[in-house]
Amino acid sequence: MTWPLPEIRRDGNEFYLGYWDTDIFDVRERFEALLDEHPAVTLRDGDREWQTVMIDSPDPEALIGELWARAYGATET
């Protein structure tokens, strides 16, 4: 099973990421850690169902997809 990307809403270089399946805690936690470690990303706010981030990247949606795939892949057993 593959978890779908979070809902993405863009406002300039700020992104709202909505997590509609809140049962994916391990993927979500790893994704947040990857966002936090990435030099182009600044974590802003969030809770278990959503998060806002600032992304300074030429293709921020692709970066979100790449980090989400890495987070999912790191949690597969």
N, C-alpha and C. Protein backbone atom coordinates (compact mmCIF):
# COMPACT_ATOMS: atom_id res chain seq x y z
N MET A 1 0.83 -1.18 0.00
CA MET A 1 0.00 0.00 0.00
C MET A 1 0.88 1.24 0.00
N THR A 2 0.50 2.22 -0.80
CA THR A 2 1.22 3.48 -0.86
C THR A 2 0.33 4.59 -0.32
N TRP A 3 0.87 5.39 0.57
CA TRP A 3 0.10 6.50 1.11
C TRP A 3 0.11 7.64 0.11
N PRO A 4 -1.04 8.26 -0.15
CA PRO A 4 -1.08 9.39 -1.08
C PRO A 4 -0.37 10.60 -0.49
N LEU A 5 0.09 11.48 -1.36
CA LEU A 5 0.69 12.73 -0.92
C LEU A 5 -0.31 13.49 -0.05
N PRO A 6 0.21 14.30 0.87
CA PRO A 6 -0.71 15.16 1.61
C PRO A 6 -1.36 16.17 0.65
N GLU A 7 -2.48 16.71 1.06
CA GLU A 7 -3.08 17.81 0.29
C GLU A 7 -2.10 18.97 0.31
N ILE A 8 -1.89 19.59 -0.83
CA ILE A 8 -0.94 20.70 -0.93
C ILE A 8 -1.68 21.94 -1.40
N ARG A 9 -1.60 23.01 -0.59
CA ARG A 9 -2.14 24.31 -0.98
C ARG A 9 -1.00 25.31 -0.91
N ARG A 10 -0.83 26.06 -1.98
CA ARG A 10 0.30 26.98 -2.07
C ARG A 10 -0.16 28.43 -1.96
N ASP A 11 0.62 29.22 -1.23
CA ASP A 11 0.45 30.66 -1.16
C ASP A 11 1.85 31.27 -1.23
N GLY A 12 2.29 31.60 -2.45
CA GLY A 12 3.66 32.07 -2.65
C GLY A 12 4.63 30.94 -2.38
N ASN A 13 5.55 31.15 -1.44
CA ASN A 13 6.48 30.06 -1.10
C ASN A 13 6.10 29.39 0.22
N GLU A 14 4.88 29.65 0.70
CA GLU A 14 4.36 28.95 1.88
C GLU A 14 3.37 27.88 1.43
N PHE A 15 3.48 26.73 2.06
CA PHE A 15 2.66 25.58 1.68
C PHE A 15 1.93 25.03 2.89
N TYR A 16 0.64 24.77 2.68
CA TYR A 16 -0.17 24.06 3.65
C TYR A 16 -0.19 22.60 3.20
N LEU A 17 0.13 21.70 4.10
CA LEU A 17 0.12 20.26 3.82
C LEU A 17 -0.93 19.63 4.73
N GLY A 18 -1.96 19.06 4.14
CA GLY A 18 -3.05 18.46 4.91
C GLY A 18 -2.93 16.94 4.90
N TYR A 19 -2.97 16.37 6.07
CA TYR A 19 -2.85 14.91 6.23
C TYR A 19 -4.21 14.35 6.58
N TRP A 20 -4.90 13.80 5.58
CA TRP A 20 -6.26 13.33 5.79
C TRP A 20 -6.31 11.96 6.43
N ASP A 21 -5.27 11.17 6.29
CA ASP A 21 -5.21 9.87 6.94
C ASP A 21 -4.25 10.00 8.12
N THR A 22 -4.79 10.27 9.29
CA THR A 22 -3.94 10.52 10.45
C THR A 22 -3.41 9.25 11.10
N ASP A 23 -3.67 8.10 10.50
CA ASP A 23 -3.15 6.84 11.02
C ASP A 23 -1.75 6.52 10.51
N ILE A 24 -1.16 7.41 9.74
CA ILE A 24 0.16 7.14 9.14
C ILE A 24 1.26 7.86 9.93
N PHE A 25 1.22 7.72 11.24
CA PHE A 25 2.12 8.46 12.11
C PHE A 25 3.59 8.27 11.75
N ASP A 26 4.01 7.05 11.47
CA ASP A 26 5.43 6.80 11.19
C ASP A 26 5.86 7.52 9.91
N VAL A 27 5.05 7.49 8.88
CA VAL A 27 5.38 8.19 7.63
C VAL A 27 5.38 9.69 7.87
N ARG A 28 4.39 10.18 8.55
CA ARG A 28 4.26 11.61 8.83
C ARG A 28 5.44 12.12 9.65
N GLU A 29 5.85 11.37 10.67
CA GLU A 29 6.98 11.79 11.50
C GLU A 29 8.28 11.80 10.71
N ARG A 30 8.49 10.78 9.90
CA ARG A 30 9.70 10.73 9.07
C ARG A 30 9.69 11.86 8.04
N PHE A 31 8.53 12.13 7.44
CA PHE A 31 8.40 13.22 6.48
C PHE A 31 8.73 14.56 7.14
N GLU A 32 8.21 14.78 8.33
CA GLU A 32 8.51 16.04 9.04
C GLU A 32 10.00 16.15 9.34
N ALA A 33 10.64 15.04 9.72
CA ALA A 33 12.08 15.06 9.97
C ALA A 33 12.85 15.39 8.70
N LEU A 34 12.44 14.81 7.57
CA LEU A 34 13.10 15.10 6.30
C LEU A 34 12.90 16.56 5.89
N LEU A 35 11.71 17.08 6.10
CA LEU A 35 11.47 18.50 5.83
C LEU A 35 12.39 19.36 6.69
N ASP A 36 12.45 19.04 7.97
CA ASP A 36 13.26 19.82 8.90
C ASP A 36 14.75 19.79 8.55
N GLU A 37 15.22 18.66 8.02
CA GLU A 37 16.64 18.51 7.67
C GLU A 37 17.00 19.18 6.35
N HIS A 38 16.00 19.46 5.50
CA HIS A 38 16.29 19.98 4.16
C HIS A 38 16.60 21.47 4.23
N PRO A 39 17.70 21.91 3.60
CA PRO A 39 18.10 23.32 3.68
C PRO A 39 17.14 24.29 2.99
N ALA A 40 16.29 23.84 2.08
CA ALA A 40 15.36 24.72 1.38
C ALA A 40 14.02 24.85 2.10
N VAL A 41 13.86 24.16 3.23
CA VAL A 41 12.56 24.11 3.91
C VAL A 41 12.66 24.72 5.30
N THR A 42 11.64 25.51 5.65
CA THR A 42 11.49 26.03 7.00
C THR A 42 10.13 25.59 7.52
N LEU A 43 10.13 24.85 8.61
CA LEU A 43 8.87 24.44 9.25
C LEU A 43 8.26 25.67 9.92
N ARG A 44 6.94 25.85 9.76
CA ARG A 44 6.28 27.03 10.32
C ARG A 44 5.35 26.65 11.48
N ASP A 45 4.38 25.81 11.22
CA ASP A 45 3.36 25.51 12.21
C ASP A 45 2.72 24.18 11.84
N GLY A 46 1.94 23.61 12.73
CA GLY A 46 1.23 22.39 12.38
C GLY A 46 0.76 21.61 13.59
N ASP A 47 -0.01 20.57 13.28
CA ASP A 47 -0.44 19.61 14.29
C ASP A 47 -0.57 18.26 13.60
N ARG A 48 -1.33 17.33 14.16
CA ARG A 48 -1.34 15.98 13.57
C ARG A 48 -2.07 15.91 12.23
N GLU A 49 -2.89 16.91 11.90
CA GLU A 49 -3.66 16.87 10.66
C GLU A 49 -3.17 17.82 9.58
N TRP A 50 -2.29 18.75 9.90
CA TRP A 50 -1.80 19.70 8.89
C TRP A 50 -0.45 20.28 9.32
N GLN A 51 0.17 20.95 8.37
CA GLN A 51 1.47 21.56 8.63
C GLN A 51 1.66 22.68 7.61
N THR A 52 2.32 23.76 8.02
CA THR A 52 2.71 24.79 7.06
C THR A 52 4.23 24.87 7.03
N VAL A 53 4.74 25.02 5.83
CA VAL A 53 6.19 25.10 5.62
C VAL A 53 6.48 26.18 4.58
N MET A 54 7.65 26.76 4.66
CA MET A 54 8.16 27.66 3.63
C MET A 54 9.18 26.85 2.84
N ILE A 55 9.10 26.93 1.51
CA ILE A 55 10.03 26.17 0.66
C ILE A 55 10.64 27.10 -0.37
N ASP A 56 11.96 27.17 -0.36
CA ASP A 56 12.70 27.98 -1.33
C ASP A 56 13.38 27.02 -2.30
N SER A 57 12.64 26.63 -3.34
CA SER A 57 13.10 25.64 -4.31
C SER A 57 12.45 25.96 -5.65
N PRO A 58 13.15 25.67 -6.77
CA PRO A 58 12.54 25.92 -8.08
C PRO A 58 11.27 25.10 -8.33
N ASP A 59 11.17 23.91 -7.76
CA ASP A 59 10.00 23.05 -7.94
C ASP A 59 9.58 22.48 -6.58
N PRO A 60 8.93 23.30 -5.76
CA PRO A 60 8.61 22.85 -4.40
C PRO A 60 7.69 21.64 -4.34
N GLU A 61 6.74 21.54 -5.27
CA GLU A 61 5.84 20.39 -5.27
C GLU A 61 6.61 19.09 -5.51
N ALA A 62 7.60 19.15 -6.41
CA ALA A 62 8.43 17.97 -6.67
C ALA A 62 9.24 17.61 -5.42
N LEU A 63 9.74 18.62 -4.72
CA LEU A 63 10.49 18.37 -3.49
C LEU A 63 9.61 17.71 -2.44
N ILE A 64 8.38 18.19 -2.30
CA ILE A 64 7.44 17.57 -1.36
C ILE A 64 7.22 16.11 -1.74
N GLY A 65 6.99 15.84 -3.03
CA GLY A 65 6.79 14.46 -3.49
C GLY A 65 7.99 13.58 -3.24
N GLU A 66 9.18 14.12 -3.48
CA GLU A 66 10.41 13.34 -3.27
C GLU A 66 10.59 12.99 -1.79
N LEU A 67 10.41 13.97 -0.92
CA LEU A 67 10.59 13.73 0.51
C LEU A 67 9.50 12.80 1.05
N TRP A 68 8.27 12.93 0.54
CA TRP A 68 7.19 12.03 0.96
C TRP A 68 7.52 10.59 0.57
N ALA A 69 8.02 10.41 -0.66
CA ALA A 69 8.38 9.05 -1.12
C ALA A 69 9.51 8.48 -0.26
N ARG A 70 10.48 9.32 0.09
CA ARG A 70 11.57 8.86 0.95
C ARG A 70 11.06 8.48 2.34
N ALA A 71 10.14 9.29 2.87
CA ALA A 71 9.58 9.00 4.19
C ALA A 71 8.81 7.70 4.16
N TYR A 72 8.03 7.49 3.13
CA TYR A 72 7.27 6.24 3.00
C TYR A 72 8.22 5.06 2.85
N GLY A 73 9.23 5.19 1.99
CA GLY A 73 10.18 4.10 1.76
C GLY A 73 10.97 3.73 3.00
N ALA A 74 11.26 4.71 3.85
CA ALA A 74 12.02 4.44 5.08
C ALA A 74 11.22 3.70 6.10
N THR A 75 9.90 3.68 5.95
CA THR A 75 9.07 3.02 6.95
C THR A 75 8.54 1.68 6.49
N GLU A 76 8.80 1.30 5.23
CA GLU A 76 8.35 0.00 4.74
C GLU A 76 9.13 -1.12 5.41
N THR A 77 8.45 -2.19 5.71
CA THR A 77 9.15 -3.33 6.33
C THR A 77 9.12 -4.53 5.42
